[in-house]
């Protein structure tokens, strides 16, 4: 059975992120989750490998999120993602411009080096004994900072990560391609999937290249966000991506469709600037460097209050998991770590927004907010998973109620016939379906009087507020 959708709890997002998500959703006419999920993934990637949260000596959680917005075509998924990722992409655009200028300088330096190297060879060739000076030092080829990519192949990702040790965001309008690449190397045995699961933990990844050695990334941090249609998600997940744990690691949101209306509302320029300042400060975080010159994440700890709150959540969460099995139990096992990841991301976002807090110690409010988000994602996972196993009658029952809700809570038989021609062949069929909702106590008929232009009075079905989308136990 599929529970009703709960709106995304934007109250747990720090300012100015909360205002951006809420105002952006109003401007686009979409659910707040469509903006919140890519925003959280973008914030995670801005932090990347620079910080990890220590829960105990053998348990550290990185700032890595995998999220999928699930929705039918035409539900404004793409404009919502574009709004949420504008700061991530703007930073990369600026980095590309800077790299072009650096490459111009590099090419000039390379030409000078070629002249100097030739002169050195000539001097060395005429010398009767070795001189004290060695060959001139070649200029270093500049690398371009990358913040995001849409190329999900592990070869391309590892090459980018080797030059961008803080990590990347994989952002794509259609996640089906990402799913398809999971087992492409070994005929369905999970070649790419194994590497992706390592990247979820920010662990070491090695990719062998035919004829050109291998590429090694000691900490491969990739946050993932994208959209996918419900039917494609169900097909893409399959048994393989359930069994290997990929589905359990994916934070899902599938808001119901709703009618969009034109609005002149838009993001305030001050909000855009404030969010940009948050990203600039997060991207300014640096990794620590040890005595060997290696870059490592800085360890962030929990305050005593935050630790007590996490321990209480951990115990309660695992008590819930005992009663679950299959996909639901697998999701619960990953959500406990996500609570820590959310707490780390939200805490550093609060710091970047100017709150006077210690960035190296996650406090109780950040942990509380992280737990609240995990609890919402847990309920949403159960709702989305429930759709995977819906019987045809259950699906028809839910979709009928959701259709009526999109029409403002009321519908006539004629409107239902027009909206569901393939399901209801004649007026009697549509009337029977609405009568069924009345029988279950979910609504009632109301009389619609004739308008000023005349016409016969008719009746309209009115859905009761808070009607349950689940059919009664006897089934319908």
Protein backbone atom coordinates (compact mmCIF):
# COMPACT_ATOMS: atom_id res chain seq x y z
CA UNK A 1 0.00 0.00 0.00
CA UNK A 2 1.23 3.52 -0.82
CA UNK A 3 1.00 6.22 1.82
CA UNK A 4 0.17 9.83 1.07
CA UNK A 5 2.99 12.17 0.11
CA UNK A 6 4.34 14.44 2.81
CA UNK A 7 5.73 17.79 1.62
CA UNK A 8 9.50 18.14 1.89
CA UNK A 9 10.39 19.65 5.31
CA UNK A 10 12.13 22.84 4.18
CA UNK A 11 12.01 24.10 7.77
CA UNK A 12 15.14 22.03 8.45
CA UNK A 13 17.19 23.80 5.75
CA UNK A 14 19.34 26.71 6.96
CA UNK A 15 18.89 30.18 5.54
CA UNK A 16 19.33 31.38 2.84
CA UNK A 17 18.95 27.88 1.37
CA UNK A 18 15.43 27.47 2.76
CA UNK A 19 14.21 30.71 1.20
CA UNK A 20 15.81 29.80 -2.14
CA UNK A 21 14.13 26.40 -2.20
CA UNK A 22 10.69 27.68 -1.18
CA UNK A 23 10.71 30.77 -3.42
CA UNK A 24 12.17 28.78 -6.30
CA UNK A 25 9.42 26.17 -6.01
CA UNK A 26 6.78 28.92 -6.01
CA UNK A 27 8.35 30.60 -9.04
CA UNK A 28 8.53 27.37 -11.07
CA UNK A 29 5.28 25.90 -9.80
CA UNK A 30 6.85 22.64 -8.62
CA UNK A 31 7.15 20.74 -5.37
CA UNK A 32 9.95 21.97 -3.08
CA UNK A 33 11.59 18.52 -3.19
CA UNK A 34 12.41 19.08 -6.87
CA UNK A 35 14.76 21.88 -5.81
CA UNK A 36 15.76 20.63 -2.36
CA UNK A 37 17.30 17.33 -3.53
CA UNK A 38 19.67 18.77 -6.16
CA UNK A 39 20.52 21.59 -3.75
CA UNK A 40 21.55 19.17 -1.01
CA UNK A 41 23.65 17.18 -3.48
CA UNK A 42 25.29 20.39 -4.75
CA UNK A 43 26.10 21.53 -1.21
CA UNK A 44 27.57 18.11 -0.49
CA UNK A 45 29.81 18.28 -3.56
CA UNK A 46 30.94 21.82 -2.66
CA UNK A 47 32.26 20.40 0.62
CA UNK A 48 33.45 17.17 -0.98
CA UNK A 49 36.59 15.58 0.41
CA UNK A 50 37.57 18.58 2.51
CA UNK A 51 35.70 17.34 5.60
CA UNK A 52 34.56 14.06 7.17
CA UNK A 53 32.48 13.56 10.29
CA UNK A 54 33.95 11.27 12.95
CA UNK A 55 31.35 9.15 14.74
CA UNK A 56 33.99 6.96 16.32
CA UNK A 57 37.54 5.91 15.52
CA UNK A 58 36.46 3.35 12.90
CA UNK A 59 33.45 5.23 11.52
CA UNK A 60 33.71 8.42 9.50
CA UNK A 61 31.03 9.75 7.15
CA UNK A 62 31.87 11.93 4.09
CA UNK A 63 29.82 14.72 2.53
CA UNK A 64 28.49 12.54 -0.29
CA UNK A 65 24.80 12.27 -1.28
CA UNK A 66 23.04 10.30 -4.00
CA UNK A 67 19.58 11.64 -4.81
CA UNK A 68 16.92 11.04 -7.45
CA UNK A 69 13.86 13.16 -8.21
CA UNK A 70 11.14 10.87 -9.52
CA UNK A 71 8.40 12.35 -11.67
CA UNK A 72 6.50 12.02 -14.91
CA UNK A 73 7.42 14.04 -17.97
CA UNK A 74 6.23 17.64 -17.75
CA UNK A 75 6.47 18.02 -13.97
CA UNK A 76 9.18 20.75 -14.11
CA UNK A 77 12.04 18.51 -13.00
CA UNK A 78 14.54 20.07 -15.42
CA UNK A 79 13.93 23.77 -14.63
CA UNK A 80 14.00 22.94 -10.91
CA UNK A 81 17.36 21.24 -11.25
CA UNK A 82 18.72 24.09 -13.37
CA UNK A 83 17.72 26.58 -10.67
CA UNK A 84 19.28 24.51 -7.90
CA UNK A 85 22.57 23.90 -9.69
CA UNK A 86 23.14 27.38 -11.10
CA UNK A 87 25.87 28.23 -8.55
CA UNK A 88 27.71 24.93 -9.12
CA UNK A 89 27.68 25.46 -12.86
CA UNK A 90 28.57 29.15 -12.63
CA UNK A 91 31.70 28.26 -10.67
CA UNK A 92 32.74 25.78 -13.33
CA UNK A 93 32.08 28.33 -16.09
CA UNK A 94 34.38 30.77 -14.31
CA UNK A 95 37.00 28.04 -13.85
CA UNK A 96 36.91 27.28 -17.58
CA UNK A 97 37.51 30.94 -18.41
CA UNK A 98 40.41 31.05 -15.97
CA UNK A 99 41.83 27.85 -17.45
CA UNK A 100 41.70 29.24 -20.97
CA UNK A 101 43.80 32.22 -19.87
CA UNK A 102 46.21 29.92 -18.03
CA UNK A 103 46.53 27.69 -21.12
CA UNK A 104 47.42 30.72 -23.22
CA UNK A 105 50.21 31.58 -20.77
CA UNK A 106 51.29 27.92 -20.69
CA UNK A 107 51.56 27.70 -24.48
CA UNK A 108 53.74 30.82 -24.51
CA UNK A 109 55.93 29.38 -21.73
CA UNK A 110 56.17 26.07 -23.61
CA UNK A 111 57.46 27.86 -26.69
CA UNK A 112 60.08 29.66 -24.62
CA UNK A 113 61.04 26.37 -22.98
CA UNK A 114 61.53 24.74 -26.39
CA UNK A 115 63.93 27.54 -27.41
CA UNK A 116 65.84 27.35 -24.13
CA UNK A 117 66.01 23.56 -24.24
CA UNK A 118 67.40 23.65 -27.77
CA UNK A 119 70.02 26.17 -26.71
CA UNK A 120 70.94 24.00 -23.73
CA UNK A 121 71.37 20.97 -25.99
CA UNK A 122 73.64 22.95 -28.26
CA UNK A 123 75.78 24.12 -25.35
CA UNK A 124 75.93 20.60 -23.95
CA UNK A 125 76.96 19.20 -27.34
CA UNK A 126 79.91 21.59 -27.71
CA UNK A 127 81.06 21.32 -24.12
CA UNK A 128 84.23 19.28 -23.44
CA UNK A 129 82.95 18.32 -20.00
CA UNK A 130 79.53 18.38 -18.27
CA UNK A 131 78.42 21.82 -17.16
CA UNK A 132 76.96 22.68 -13.79
CA UNK A 133 73.52 23.56 -15.17
CA UNK A 134 70.94 20.94 -16.09
CA UNK A 135 68.21 21.22 -18.70
CA UNK A 136 65.71 24.05 -18.23
CA UNK A 137 62.63 23.11 -16.22
CA UNK A 138 59.53 22.55 -18.33
CA UNK A 139 56.40 24.55 -17.46
CA UNK A 140 53.57 22.71 -15.70
CA UNK A 141 50.44 22.23 -17.75
CA UNK A 142 47.53 23.86 -15.88
CA UNK A 143 44.50 21.78 -14.93
CA UNK A 144 40.94 23.03 -15.00
CA UNK A 145 38.94 23.00 -11.78
CA UNK A 146 35.80 20.94 -12.26
CA UNK A 147 32.74 21.12 -10.03
CA UNK A 148 30.36 18.87 -11.95
CA UNK A 149 30.04 16.47 -14.87
CA UNK A 150 27.29 14.61 -16.71
CA UNK A 151 29.57 11.80 -17.89
CA UNK A 152 28.82 8.74 -15.77
CA UNK A 153 31.53 6.47 -17.19
CA UNK A 154 34.04 5.45 -14.55
CA UNK A 155 37.00 6.09 -16.91
CA UNK A 156 35.99 9.72 -17.38
CA UNK A 157 35.14 10.23 -13.71
CA UNK A 158 38.37 8.78 -12.37
CA UNK A 159 40.39 10.91 -14.80
CA UNK A 160 38.56 14.02 -13.56
CA UNK A 161 38.88 13.01 -9.91
CA UNK A 162 42.64 12.53 -10.28
CA UNK A 163 42.85 16.25 -11.14
CA UNK A 164 40.10 17.36 -8.71
CA UNK A 165 40.79 15.60 -5.40
CA UNK A 166 38.03 17.42 -3.49
CA UNK A 167 35.41 15.54 -5.57
CA UNK A 168 32.67 16.16 -8.10
CA UNK A 169 28.93 16.31 -8.64
CA UNK A 170 27.42 14.01 -11.26
CA UNK A 171 24.28 15.80 -12.44
CA UNK A 172 22.06 14.48 -15.20
CA UNK A 173 18.50 15.12 -16.34
CA UNK A 174 18.00 11.39 -16.88
CA UNK A 175 19.45 8.86 -14.45
CA UNK A 176 18.54 5.84 -16.56
CA UNK A 177 21.91 6.06 -18.33
CA UNK A 178 23.68 5.93 -14.98
CA UNK A 179 21.82 2.76 -14.05
CA UNK A 180 22.58 1.18 -17.43
CA UNK A 181 26.34 1.63 -16.95
CA UNK A 182 26.42 -0.22 -13.66
CA UNK A 183 27.13 -3.66 -15.13
CA UNK A 184 28.41 -2.85 -18.60
CA UNK A 185 31.93 -4.27 -18.14
CA UNK A 186 31.28 -7.76 -16.93
CA UNK A 187 28.13 -8.91 -18.64
CA UNK A 188 25.80 -8.17 -15.77
CA UNK A 189 28.18 -8.93 -12.89
CA UNK A 190 28.53 -5.36 -11.71
CA UNK A 191 31.89 -4.05 -12.95
CA UNK A 192 30.96 -0.36 -12.75
CA UNK A 193 28.63 -0.89 -9.80
CA UNK A 194 31.48 -2.08 -7.59
CA UNK A 195 33.45 1.10 -8.28
CA UNK A 196 30.40 3.29 -7.72
CA UNK A 197 29.78 1.70 -4.34
CA UNK A 198 33.36 2.58 -3.39
CA UNK A 199 32.74 6.17 -4.51
CA UNK A 200 29.66 6.38 -2.28
CA UNK A 201 31.98 5.86 0.67
CA UNK A 202 34.66 8.18 -0.70
CA UNK A 203 37.10 5.29 -0.80
CA UNK A 204 39.99 4.34 -3.09
CA UNK A 205 39.22 3.52 -6.75
CA UNK A 206 41.54 2.13 -9.41
CA UNK A 207 40.65 1.98 -13.12
CA UNK A 208 42.89 -0.01 -15.47
CA UNK A 209 43.39 1.34 -18.97
CA UNK A 210 44.26 -0.87 -21.89
CA UNK A 211 47.75 -0.04 -23.04
CA UNK A 212 48.12 3.01 -20.76
CA UNK A 213 48.49 1.68 -17.25
CA UNK A 214 45.96 2.64 -14.58
CA UNK A 215 44.52 5.63 -12.74
CA UNK A 216 44.31 5.58 -8.96
CA UNK A 217 42.20 7.96 -6.86
CA UNK A 218 42.78 7.55 -3.11
CA UNK A 219 39.46 9.18 -2.14
CA UNK A 220 36.90 9.14 -4.92
CA UNK A 221 34.08 11.43 -3.77
CA UNK A 222 31.14 11.80 -6.19
CA UNK A 223 27.72 13.08 -5.21
CA UNK A 224 24.95 12.16 -7.65
CA UNK A 225 21.69 13.86 -8.54
CA UNK A 226 19.28 13.41 -11.40
CA UNK A 227 15.70 12.83 -12.37
CA UNK A 228 13.91 9.77 -13.64
CA UNK A 229 10.39 8.77 -14.58
CA UNK A 230 8.64 6.30 -12.25
CA UNK A 231 8.28 3.44 -14.75
CA UNK A 232 11.90 3.83 -15.88
CA UNK A 233 13.09 3.80 -12.26
CA UNK A 234 11.27 0.56 -11.58
CA UNK A 235 12.76 -1.06 -14.70
CA UNK A 236 16.24 0.36 -14.08
CA UNK A 237 16.53 -0.78 -10.49
CA UNK A 238 15.92 -4.46 -11.20
CA UNK A 239 17.16 -7.29 -9.00
CA UNK A 240 20.85 -6.52 -9.56
CA UNK A 241 20.75 -2.96 -8.25
CA UNK A 242 18.64 -4.05 -5.31
CA UNK A 243 21.03 -6.83 -4.34
CA UNK A 244 24.20 -4.75 -4.68
CA UNK A 245 22.77 -2.00 -2.46
CA UNK A 246 22.55 0.72 -5.09
CA UNK A 247 18.84 1.35 -4.56
CA UNK A 248 19.28 1.55 -0.79
CA UNK A 249 21.87 4.32 -1.18
CA UNK A 250 19.59 6.46 -3.35
CA UNK A 251 17.58 9.20 -1.65
CA UNK A 252 14.23 9.38 -3.45
CA UNK A 253 11.47 11.95 -3.74
CA UNK A 254 8.35 11.37 -5.84
CA UNK A 255 5.90 14.24 -5.30
CA UNK A 256 2.47 13.86 -6.87
CA UNK A 257 1.75 15.79 -10.05
CA UNK A 258 0.03 19.11 -9.66
CA UNK A 259 -1.39 21.73 -11.96
CA UNK A 260 0.94 24.63 -12.73
CA UNK A 261 -0.32 28.20 -13.06
CA UNK A 262 1.50 31.25 -14.35
CA UNK A 263 3.09 33.43 -11.68
CA UNK A 264 5.27 36.52 -11.79
CA UNK A 265 7.10 35.38 -8.65
CA UNK A 266 10.84 34.80 -9.00
CA UNK A 267 13.95 34.48 -6.89
CA UNK A 268 14.94 37.73 -5.24
CA UNK A 269 18.36 38.97 -6.34
CA UNK A 270 19.42 39.26 -2.70
CA UNK A 271 18.64 35.56 -2.21
CA UNK A 272 20.68 34.65 -5.29
CA UNK A 273 23.64 36.64 -3.97
CA UNK A 274 23.33 35.20 -0.45
CA UNK A 275 23.26 31.63 -1.73
CA UNK A 276 26.22 32.39 -3.99
CA UNK A 277 28.16 33.59 -0.95
CA UNK A 278 27.42 30.30 0.84
CA UNK A 279 28.77 28.27 -2.07
CA UNK A 280 31.85 30.50 -2.36
CA UNK A 281 32.69 29.88 1.29
CA UNK A 282 32.10 26.13 1.03
CA UNK A 283 34.28 25.90 -2.08
CA UNK A 284 36.89 27.84 -0.13
CA UNK A 285 37.28 24.95 2.32
CA UNK A 286 40.61 23.21 1.82
CA UNK A 287 41.85 19.71 2.56
CA UNK A 288 44.54 19.26 5.20
CA UNK A 289 48.08 18.48 4.04
CA UNK A 290 50.30 16.04 5.94
CA UNK A 291 54.10 16.05 6.23
CA UNK A 292 54.39 14.01 3.00
CA UNK A 293 52.43 16.60 1.05
CA UNK A 294 49.35 14.36 0.74
CA UNK A 295 45.89 15.91 0.92
CA UNK A 296 43.48 14.47 3.48
CA UNK A 297 40.00 15.42 4.69
CA UNK A 298 39.87 17.38 7.92
CA UNK A 299 38.10 15.48 10.68
CA UNK A 300 34.97 17.13 12.13
CA UNK A 301 33.74 15.89 15.51
CA UNK A 302 30.39 15.87 17.29
CA UNK A 303 29.68 18.04 20.30
CA UNK A 304 28.62 16.00 23.36
CA UNK A 305 24.99 17.05 22.84
CA UNK A 306 25.04 16.11 19.17
CA UNK A 307 26.62 12.76 20.02
CA UNK A 308 23.91 11.95 22.56
CA UNK A 309 21.24 12.83 20.00
CA UNK A 310 22.85 10.64 17.32
CA UNK A 311 23.18 7.68 19.71
CA UNK A 312 19.49 7.96 20.62
CA UNK A 313 18.55 8.11 16.94
CA UNK A 314 20.86 5.20 16.09
CA UNK A 315 19.27 2.94 18.70
CA UNK A 316 15.70 3.84 17.76
CA UNK A 317 16.43 3.60 14.04
CA UNK A 318 17.94 0.14 14.35
CA UNK A 319 15.03 -1.01 16.49
CA UNK A 320 12.77 -0.02 13.58
CA UNK A 321 14.98 -1.86 11.09
CA UNK A 322 14.45 -5.18 12.89
CA UNK A 323 10.80 -5.10 11.82
CA UNK A 324 11.68 -4.46 8.16
CA UNK A 325 12.99 -6.73 5.45
CA UNK A 326 14.08 -6.61 1.81
CA UNK A 327 14.43 -3.19 0.18
CA UNK A 328 13.08 -1.40 3.24
CA UNK A 329 15.62 -2.94 5.62
CA UNK A 330 18.44 -2.17 3.17
CA UNK A 331 17.37 1.49 2.93
CA UNK A 332 17.22 1.76 6.74
CA UNK A 333 20.79 0.46 6.99
CA UNK A 334 22.06 3.31 4.79
CA UNK A 335 19.89 6.03 6.32
CA UNK A 336 21.70 5.81 9.66
CA UNK A 337 24.87 7.01 7.93
CA UNK A 338 22.92 9.60 5.97
CA UNK A 339 21.85 11.23 9.25
CA UNK A 340 25.49 11.99 9.97
CA UNK A 341 26.14 13.13 6.40
CA UNK A 342 23.18 15.52 6.48
CA UNK A 343 24.28 16.86 9.86
CA UNK A 344 27.77 17.57 8.49
CA UNK A 345 26.45 19.26 5.32
CA UNK A 346 23.83 21.36 7.13
CA UNK A 347 26.31 22.39 9.83
CA UNK A 348 28.91 23.60 7.35
CA UNK A 349 26.18 25.35 5.35
CA UNK A 350 25.10 27.19 8.50
CA UNK A 351 28.72 28.19 9.06
CA UNK A 352 29.11 29.31 5.45
CA UNK A 353 25.95 31.41 5.81
CA UNK A 354 27.59 33.33 8.65
CA UNK A 355 26.24 31.66 11.79
CA UNK A 356 28.73 31.99 14.69
CA UNK A 357 29.38 28.25 15.10
CA UNK A 358 32.47 26.08 15.17
CA UNK A 359 32.83 24.48 11.69
CA UNK A 360 34.92 21.66 13.16
CA UNK A 361 32.29 20.45 15.66
CA UNK A 362 28.77 19.50 14.52
CA UNK A 363 26.27 20.73 17.12
CA UNK A 364 22.90 19.40 18.27
CA UNK A 365 20.72 21.63 16.03
CA UNK A 366 22.57 20.38 12.94
CA UNK A 367 22.25 16.77 14.08
CA UNK A 368 18.55 17.28 14.83
CA UNK A 369 17.99 18.69 11.35
CA UNK A 370 19.95 15.84 9.75
CA UNK A 371 17.86 13.25 11.59
CA UNK A 372 14.63 15.01 10.59
CA UNK A 373 15.63 14.85 6.91
CA UNK A 374 16.52 11.16 7.22
CA UNK A 375 13.16 10.41 8.79
CA UNK A 376 11.42 12.14 5.89
CA UNK A 377 13.52 10.29 3.31
CA UNK A 378 12.78 7.03 5.10
CA UNK A 379 9.03 7.55 4.85
CA UNK A 380 9.37 8.63 1.24
CA UNK A 381 11.44 5.53 0.43
CA UNK A 382 8.69 3.31 1.84
CA UNK A 383 6.15 5.19 -0.27
CA UNK A 384 8.17 4.87 -3.49
CA UNK A 385 9.04 1.22 -2.84
CA UNK A 386 5.35 0.57 -2.23
CA UNK A 387 4.63 1.66 -5.79
CA UNK A 388 6.97 -1.04 -7.07
CA UNK A 389 4.66 -3.74 -5.70
CA UNK A 390 1.26 -2.12 -6.24
CA UNK A 391 -1.47 -4.29 -7.68
CA UNK A 392 -3.34 -2.85 -10.66
CA UNK A 393 -6.43 -2.13 -8.58
CA UNK A 394 -4.41 -0.35 -5.91
CA UNK A 395 -2.67 1.76 -8.52
CA UNK A 396 -5.97 2.74 -10.17
CA UNK A 397 -7.45 3.65 -6.78
CA UNK A 398 -4.48 5.88 -5.87
CA UNK A 399 -4.28 7.53 -9.28
CA UNK A 400 -7.98 8.37 -9.21
CA UNK A 401 -7.63 10.18 -5.88
CA UNK A 402 -4.46 11.98 -7.03
CA UNK A 403 -6.24 13.11 -10.21
CA UNK A 404 -9.10 14.56 -8.18
CA UNK A 405 -6.63 16.34 -5.89
CA UNK A 406 -4.88 17.91 -8.90
CA UNK A 407 -8.24 19.26 -10.01
CA UNK A 408 -8.74 21.02 -6.71
CA UNK A 409 -10.49 18.21 -4.88
CA UNK A 410 -13.57 17.92 -7.12
CA UNK A 411 -14.43 16.33 -10.47
CA UNK A 412 -17.46 15.65 -12.65
CA UNK A 413 -18.10 12.41 -14.47
CA UNK A 414 -17.47 14.17 -17.77
CA UNK A 415 -14.11 15.50 -16.58
CA UNK A 416 -13.10 12.04 -15.39
CA UNK A 417 -13.99 10.52 -18.74
CA UNK A 418 -11.93 13.12 -20.57
CA UNK A 419 -8.93 12.61 -18.28
CA UNK A 420 -9.04 8.79 -18.24
CA UNK A 421 -10.47 7.69 -21.59
CA UNK A 422 -8.39 4.52 -21.59
CA UNK A 423 -9.66 3.40 -18.19
CA UNK A 424 -13.35 4.37 -18.22
CA UNK A 425 -15.16 3.43 -21.42
CA UNK A 426 -18.47 5.07 -20.57
CA UNK A 427 -20.10 7.37 -18.02
CA UNK A 428 -21.42 4.44 -15.98
CA UNK A 429 -17.84 3.18 -15.43
CA UNK A 430 -16.64 6.58 -14.21
CA UNK A 431 -19.70 6.96 -11.98
CA UNK A 432 -19.07 3.54 -10.45
CA UNK A 433 -15.47 4.47 -9.66
CA UNK A 434 -16.53 7.66 -7.89
CA UNK A 435 -19.35 5.85 -6.09
CA UNK A 436 -16.70 3.46 -4.82
CA UNK A 437 -14.83 6.34 -3.19
CA UNK A 438 -18.06 7.47 -1.55
CA UNK A 439 -18.66 3.93 -0.27
CA UNK A 440 -15.22 4.05 1.35
CA UNK A 441 -16.04 7.35 3.05
CA UNK A 442 -13.65 9.45 0.96
CA UNK A 443 -16.06 11.88 -0.63
CA UNK A 444 -19.61 12.78 -1.62
CA UNK A 445 -21.67 14.02 -4.53
CA UNK A 446 -22.57 17.71 -4.59
CA UNK A 447 -25.11 19.45 -6.80
CA UNK A 448 -23.84 21.95 -9.37
CA UNK A 449 -26.52 24.46 -10.33
CA UNK A 450 -26.87 25.74 -13.87
CA UNK A 451 -24.78 28.76 -14.77
CA UNK A 452 -25.94 32.13 -16.11
CA UNK A 453 -25.89 30.75 -19.65
CA UNK A 454 -28.36 28.02 -18.76
CA UNK A 455 -27.87 24.29 -18.99
CA UNK A 456 -29.07 21.44 -16.87
CA UNK A 457 -27.91 21.10 -13.25
CA UNK A 458 -25.36 18.33 -12.77
CA UNK A 459 -23.47 16.69 -9.94
CA UNK A 460 -19.83 16.76 -9.00
CA UNK A 461 -17.80 14.49 -6.78
CA UNK A 462 -16.11 16.27 -3.86
CA UNK A 463 -13.14 14.57 -2.16
CA UNK A 464 -12.97 14.82 1.60
CA UNK A 465 -9.90 16.62 2.95
CA UNK A 466 -7.10 14.20 3.81
CA UNK A 467 -8.60 11.28 1.88
CA UNK A 468 -6.41 8.16 2.06
CA UNK A 469 -4.94 6.99 -1.24
CA UNK A 470 -4.89 3.41 0.02
CA UNK A 471 -7.91 1.21 -0.72
CA UNK A 472 -9.54 -0.40 2.30
CA UNK A 473 -8.34 -3.81 3.41
CA UNK A 474 -11.16 -5.57 1.59
CA UNK A 475 -9.54 -4.26 -1.63
CA UNK A 476 -10.98 -2.38 -4.53
